[in-house]
PDB file of N, CA and C in Angstrom:
ATOM      1  N   ILE A   1      66.315  -4.258  25.144  1.00  0.00           N
ATOM      2  CA  ILE A   1      67.496  -3.746  24.471  1.00  0.00           C
ATOM      3  C   ILE A   1      67.877  -4.648  23.292  1.00  0.00           C
ATOM      4  N   SER A   2      67.642  -5.937  23.408  1.00  0.00           N
ATOM      5  CA  SER A   2      67.972  -6.833  22.292  1.00  0.00           C
ATOM      6  C   SER A   2      67.129  -6.510  21.057  1.00  0.00           C
ATOM      7  N   LEU A   3      65.915  -6.033  21.263  1.00  0.00           N
ATOM      8  CA  LEU A   3      65.083  -5.609  20.137  1.00  0.00           C
ATOM      9  C   LEU A   3      65.748  -4.459  19.392  1.00  0.00           C
ATOM     10  N   VAL A   4      66.315  -3.523  20.123  1.00  0.00           N
ATOM     11  CA  VAL A   4      66.973  -2.376  19.503  1.00  0.00           C
ATOM     12  C   VAL A   4      68.158  -2.852  18.673  1.00  0.00           C
ATOM     13  N   ASP A   5      68.902  -3.838  19.178  1.00  0.00           N
ATOM     14  CA  ASP A   5      70.023  -4.390  18.412  1.00  0.00           C
ATOM     15  C   ASP A   5      69.567  -4.884  17.047  1.00  0.00           C
ATOM     16  N   ASN A   6      68.387  -5.469  16.997  1.00  0.00           N
ATOM     17  CA  ASN A   6      67.861  -5.974  15.729  1.00  0.00           C
ATOM     18  C   ASN A   6      67.416  -4.853  14.794  1.00  0.00           C
ATOM     19  N   LEU A   7      67.044  -3.709  15.349  1.00  0.00           N
ATOM     20  CA  LEU A   7      66.537  -2.599  14.542  1.00  0.00           C
ATOM     21  C   LEU A   7      67.631  -1.651  14.056  1.00  0.00           C
ATOM     22  N   VAL A   8      68.693  -1.510  14.837  1.00  0.00           N
ATOM     23  CA  VAL A   8      69.758  -0.563  14.497  1.00  0.00           C
ATOM     24  C   VAL A   8      70.637  -1.163  13.403  1.00  0.00           C
ATOM     25  N   ASP A   9      70.847  -0.377  12.352  1.00  0.00           N
ATOM     26  CA  ASP A   9      71.772  -0.776  11.295  1.00  0.00           C
ATOM     27  C   ASP A   9      72.716   0.390  11.012  1.00  0.00           C
ATOM     28  N   ASP A  10      73.539   0.251   9.994  1.00  0.00           N
ATOM     29  CA  ASP A  10      74.540   1.279   9.693  1.00  0.00           C
ATOM     30  C   ASP A  10      73.929   2.614   9.289  1.00  0.00           C
ATOM     31  N   ASP A  11      72.686   2.607   8.822  1.00  0.00           N
ATOM     32  CA  ASP A  11      72.027   3.839   8.391  1.00  0.00           C
ATOM     33  C   ASP A  11      71.246   4.531   9.506  1.00  0.00           C
ATOM     34  N   ALA A  12      71.135   3.903  10.657  1.00  0.00           N
ATOM     35  CA  ALA A  12      70.335   4.458  11.755  1.00  0.00           C
ATOM     36  C   ALA A  12      70.968   5.742  12.288  1.00  0.00           C
ATOM     37  N   GLU A  13      70.104   6.698  12.605  1.00  0.00           N
ATOM     38  CA  GLU A  13      70.548   7.976  13.158  1.00  0.00           C
ATOM     39  C   GLU A  13      69.830   8.339  14.446  1.00  0.00           C
ATOM     40  N   LEU A  14      68.617   7.821  14.625  1.00  0.00           N
ATOM     41  CA  LEU A  14      67.763   8.279  15.716  1.00  0.00           C
ATOM     42  C   LEU A  14      66.982   7.118  16.329  1.00  0.00           C
ATOM     43  N   ILE A  15      66.946   7.086  17.651  1.00  0.00           N
ATOM     44  CA  ILE A  15      66.076   6.169  18.385  1.00  0.00           C
ATOM     45  C   ILE A  15      65.049   7.031  19.110  1.00  0.00           C
ATOM     46  N   SER A  16      63.770   6.772  18.862  1.00  0.00           N
ATOM     47  CA  SER A  16      62.693   7.496  19.548  1.00  0.00           C
ATOM     48  C   SER A  16      61.985   6.529  20.477  1.00  0.00           C
ATOM     49  N   LEU A  17      61.872   6.912  21.731  1.00  0.00           N
ATOM     50  CA  LEU A  17      61.226   6.091  22.749  1.00  0.00           C
ATOM     51  C   LEU A  17      59.988   6.830  23.239  1.00  0.00           C
ATOM     52  N   TYR A  18      58.834   6.189  23.108  1.00  0.00           N
ATOM     53  CA  TYR A  18      57.567   6.751  23.570  1.00  0.00           C
ATOM     54  C   TYR A  18      57.102   5.903  24.745  1.00  0.00           C
ATOM     55  N   TYR A  19      56.888   6.533  25.892  1.00  0.00           N
ATOM     56  CA  TYR A  19      56.501   5.744  27.058  1.00  0.00           C
ATOM     57  C   TYR A  19      55.041   5.981  27.422  1.00  0.00           C
ATOM     58  N   GLY A  20      54.441   4.919  27.972  1.00  0.00           N
ATOM     59  CA  GLY A  20      53.013   4.909  28.250  1.00  0.00           C
ATOM     60  C   GLY A  20      52.628   5.518  29.576  1.00  0.00           C
ATOM     61  N   GLU A  21      51.325   5.502  29.823  1.00  0.00           N
ATOM     62  CA  GLU A  21      50.772   6.180  30.992  1.00  0.00           C
ATOM     63  C   GLU A  21      51.194   5.568  32.318  1.00  0.00           C
ATOM     64  N   GLU A  22      51.619   4.308  32.348  1.00  0.00           N
ATOM     65  CA  GLU A  22      52.015   3.677  33.608  1.00  0.00           C
ATOM     66  C   GLU A  22      53.519   3.708  33.849  1.00  0.00           C
ATOM     67  N   VAL A  23      54.256   4.414  33.003  1.00  0.00           N
ATOM     68  CA  VAL A  23      55.705   4.528  33.133  1.00  0.00           C
ATOM     69  C   VAL A  23      56.025   5.921  33.662  1.00  0.00           C
ATOM     70  N   THR A  24      56.930   5.994  34.634  1.00  0.00           N
ATOM     71  CA  THR A  24      57.326   7.295  35.177  1.00  0.00           C
ATOM     72  C   THR A  24      58.392   7.938  34.290  1.00  0.00           C
ATOM     73  N   ASP A  25      58.541   9.242  34.442  1.00  0.00           N
ATOM     74  CA  ASP A  25      59.596   9.960  33.726  1.00  0.00           C
ATOM     75  C   ASP A  25      60.961   9.369  34.056  1.00  0.00           C
ATOM     76  N   GLU A  26      61.157   9.025  35.321  1.00  0.00           N
ATOM     77  CA  GLU A  26      62.443   8.491  35.768  1.00  0.00           C
ATOM     78  C   GLU A  26      62.750   7.150  35.102  1.00  0.00           C
ATOM     79  N   GLU A  27      61.744   6.280  34.995  1.00  0.00           N
ATOM     80  CA  GLU A  27      61.946   4.980  34.349  1.00  0.00           C
ATOM     81  C   GLU A  27      62.298   5.153  32.874  1.00  0.00           C
ATOM     82  N   ALA A  28      61.601   6.036  32.205  1.00  0.00           N
ATOM     83  CA  ALA A  28      61.872   6.282  30.786  1.00  0.00           C
ATOM     84  C   ALA A  28      63.265   6.877  30.598  1.00  0.00           C
ATOM     85  N   THR A  29      63.656   7.763  31.492  1.00  0.00           N
ATOM     86  CA  THR A  29      64.980   8.375  31.412  1.00  0.00           C
ATOM     87  C   THR A  29      66.074   7.342  31.634  1.00  0.00           C
ATOM     88  N   GLU A  30      65.864   6.400  32.541  1.00  0.00           N
ATOM     89  CA  GLU A  30      66.847   5.333  32.765  1.00  0.00           C
ATOM     90  C   GLU A  30      67.068   4.518  31.498  1.00  0.00           C
ATOM     91  N   ILE A  31      65.997   4.173  30.821  1.00  0.00           N
ATOM     92  CA  ILE A  31      66.127   3.399  29.581  1.00  0.00           C
ATOM     93  C   ILE A  31      66.812   4.238  28.507  1.00  0.00           C
ATOM     94  N   ALA A  32      66.444   5.498  28.404  1.00  0.00           N
ATOM     95  CA  ALA A  32      67.075   6.382  27.419  1.00  0.00           C
ATOM     96  C   ALA A  32      68.571   6.509  27.692  1.00  0.00           C
ATOM     97  N   ASP A  33      68.944   6.638  28.955  1.00  0.00           N
ATOM     98  CA  ASP A  33      70.365   6.729  29.309  1.00  0.00           C
ATOM     99  C   ASP A  33      71.113   5.463  28.903  1.00  0.00           C
ATOM    100  N   GLU A  34      70.491   4.310  29.124  1.00  0.00           N
ATOM    101  CA  GLU A  34      71.116   3.052  28.730  1.00  0.00           C
ATOM    102  C   GLU A  34      71.275   2.979  27.211  1.00  0.00           C
ATOM    103  N   LEU A  35      70.253   3.419  26.484  1.00  0.00           N
ATOM    104  CA  LEU A  35      70.345   3.441  25.022  1.00  0.00           C
ATOM    105  C   LEU A  35      71.449   4.382  24.552  1.00  0.00           C
ATOM    106  N   MET A  36      71.581   5.540  25.196  1.00  0.00           N
ATOM    107  CA  MET A  36      72.630   6.491  24.827  1.00  0.00           C
ATOM    108  C   MET A  36      74.015   5.903  25.065  1.00  0.00           C
ATOM    109  N   ASN A  37      74.161   5.137  26.149  1.00  0.00           N
ATOM    110  CA  ASN A  37      75.450   4.502  26.436  1.00  0.00           C
ATOM    111  C   ASN A  37      75.763   3.391  25.438  1.00  0.00           C
ATOM    112  N   LEU A  38      74.740   2.632  25.043  1.00  0.00           N
ATOM    113  CA  LEU A  38      74.945   1.530  24.108  1.00  0.00           C
ATOM    114  C   LEU A  38      75.133   1.997  22.671  1.00  0.00           C
ATOM    115  N   TYR A  39      74.514   3.123  22.329  1.00  0.00           N
ATOM    116  CA  TYR A  39      74.555   3.643  20.957  1.00  0.00           C
ATOM    117  C   TYR A  39      74.977   5.114  20.973  1.00  0.00           C
ATOM    118  N   PRO A  40      76.235   5.387  21.303  1.00  0.00           N
ATOM    119  CA  PRO A  40      76.673   6.785  21.448  1.00  0.00           C
ATOM    120  C   PRO A  40      76.645   7.589  20.148  1.00  0.00           C
ATOM    121  N   ASP A  41      76.634   6.910  19.009  1.00  0.00           N
ATOM    122  CA  ASP A  41      76.614   7.621  17.727  1.00  0.00           C
ATOM    123  C   ASP A  41      75.208   7.980  17.263  1.00  0.00           C
ATOM    124  N   LEU A  42      74.182   7.531  18.001  1.00  0.00           N
ATOM    125  CA  LEU A  42      72.798   7.809  17.629  1.00  0.00           C
ATOM    126  C   LEU A  42      72.182   8.830  18.573  1.00  0.00           C
ATOM    127  N   ASP A  43      71.250   9.618  18.053  1.00  0.00           N
ATOM    128  CA  ASP A  43      70.462  10.509  18.898  1.00  0.00           C
ATOM    129  C   ASP A  43      69.346   9.690  19.530  1.00  0.00           C
ATOM    130  N   VAL A  44      69.051   9.965  20.789  1.00  0.00           N
ATOM    131  CA  VAL A  44      67.967   9.279  21.493  1.00  0.00           C
ATOM    132  C   VAL A  44      66.988  10.336  21.983  1.00  0.00           C
ATOM    133  N   GLU A  45      65.729  10.188  21.591  1.00  0.00           N
ATOM    134  CA  GLU A  45      64.665  11.092  22.032  1.00  0.00           C
ATOM    135  C   GLU A  45      63.684  10.317  22.898  1.00  0.00           C
ATOM    136  N   VAL A  46      63.169  10.985  23.927  1.00  0.00           N
ATOM    137  CA  VAL A  46      62.173  10.381  24.812  1.00  0.00           C
ATOM    138  C   VAL A  46      60.935  11.262  24.790  1.00  0.00           C
ATOM    139  N   HIS A  47      59.778  10.632  24.569  1.00  0.00           N
ATOM    140  CA  HIS A  47      58.515  11.359  24.506  1.00  0.00           C
ATOM    141  C   HIS A  47      57.471  10.631  25.333  1.00  0.00           C
ATOM    142  N   TYR A  48      56.635  11.398  26.014  1.00  0.00           N
ATOM    143  CA  TYR A  48      55.489  10.804  26.690  1.00  0.00           C
ATOM    144  C   TYR A  48      54.425  10.540  25.641  1.00  0.00           C
ATOM    145  N   GLY A  49      54.105   9.259  25.427  1.00  0.00           N
ATOM    146  CA  GLY A  49      53.083   8.889  24.454  1.00  0.00           C
ATOM    147  C   GLY A  49      51.723   8.713  25.094  1.00  0.00           C
ATOM    148  N   GLY A  50      51.725   8.315  26.379  1.00  0.00           N
ATOM    149  CA  GLY A  50      50.483   8.159  27.111  1.00  0.00           C
ATOM    150  C   GLY A  50      49.656   6.954  26.721  1.00  0.00           C
ATOM    151  N   GLN A  51      50.231   6.037  25.947  1.00  0.00           N
ATOM    152  CA  GLN A  51      49.468   4.870  25.518  1.00  0.00           C
ATOM    153  C   GLN A  51      49.080   4.005  26.724  1.00  0.00           C
ATOM    154  N   PRO A  52      47.824   3.529  26.745  1.00  0.00           N
ATOM    155  CA  PRO A  52      47.307   2.822  27.914  1.00  0.00           C
ATOM    156  C   PRO A  52      47.725   1.357  28.014  1.00  0.00           C
ATOM    157  N   ILE A  53      48.103   0.735  26.925  1.00  0.00           N
ATOM    158  CA  ILE A  53      48.369  -0.705  26.965  1.00  0.00           C
ATOM    159  C   ILE A  53      49.864  -1.002  26.980  1.00  0.00           C
ATOM    160  N   TYR A  54      50.595  -0.428  26.053  1.00  0.00           N
ATOM    161  CA  TYR A  54      52.018  -0.736  25.924  1.00  0.00           C
ATOM    162  C   TYR A  54      52.838   0.223  26.774  1.00  0.00           C
ATOM    163  N   TYR A  55      53.796  -0.342  27.507  1.00  0.00           N
ATOM    164  CA  TYR A  55      54.665   0.506  28.316  1.00  0.00           C
ATOM    165  C   TYR A  55      55.548   1.383  27.438  1.00  0.00           C
ATOM    166  N   TYR A  56      56.060   0.805  26.348  1.00  0.00           N
ATOM    167  CA  TYR A  56      56.968   1.535  25.467  1.00  0.00           C
ATOM    168  C   TYR A  56      56.644   1.243  24.008  1.00  0.00           C
ATOM    169  N   LEU A  57      56.818   2.258  23.183  1.00  0.00           N
ATOM    170  CA  LEU A  57      56.863   2.116  21.733  1.00  0.00           C
ATOM    171  C   LEU A  57      58.214   2.672  21.315  1.00  0.00           C
ATOM    172  N   LEU A  58      58.825   2.050  20.339  1.00  0.00           N
ATOM    173  CA  LEU A  58      60.177   2.416  19.968  1.00  0.00           C
ATOM    174  C   LEU A  58      60.289   2.461  18.453  1.00  0.00           C
ATOM    175  N   SER A  59      60.997   3.460  17.956  1.00  0.00           N
ATOM    176  CA  SER A  59      61.281   3.497  16.523  1.00  0.00           C
ATOM    177  C   SER A  59      62.750   3.828  16.320  1.00  0.00           C
ATOM    178  N   VAL A  60      63.300   3.301  15.248  1.00  0.00           N
ATOM    179  CA  VAL A  60      64.681   3.582  14.861  1.00  0.00           C
ATOM    180  C   VAL A  60      64.637   4.101  13.435  1.00  0.00           C
ATOM    181  N   GLU A  61      65.219   5.265  13.247  1.00  0.00           N
ATOM    182  CA  GLU A  61      65.228   5.876  11.907  1.00  0.00           C
ATOM    183  C   GLU A  61      66.655   6.121  11.470  1.00  0.00           C
TER     184      GLU A  61
END
């Protein structure tokens, strides 16, 4: 979550979270819910990325 703090600025509108093959839907949803609570003014999207190495990839736009 501290990484997201560094990425979010006044122009941010969207946080996209892509979760890997070893992460469950429930785990990804928990993180998305936490992001929504911390950043209520931003849209949060969750996508299955299926990446084999990284648990999560994150972008802020």
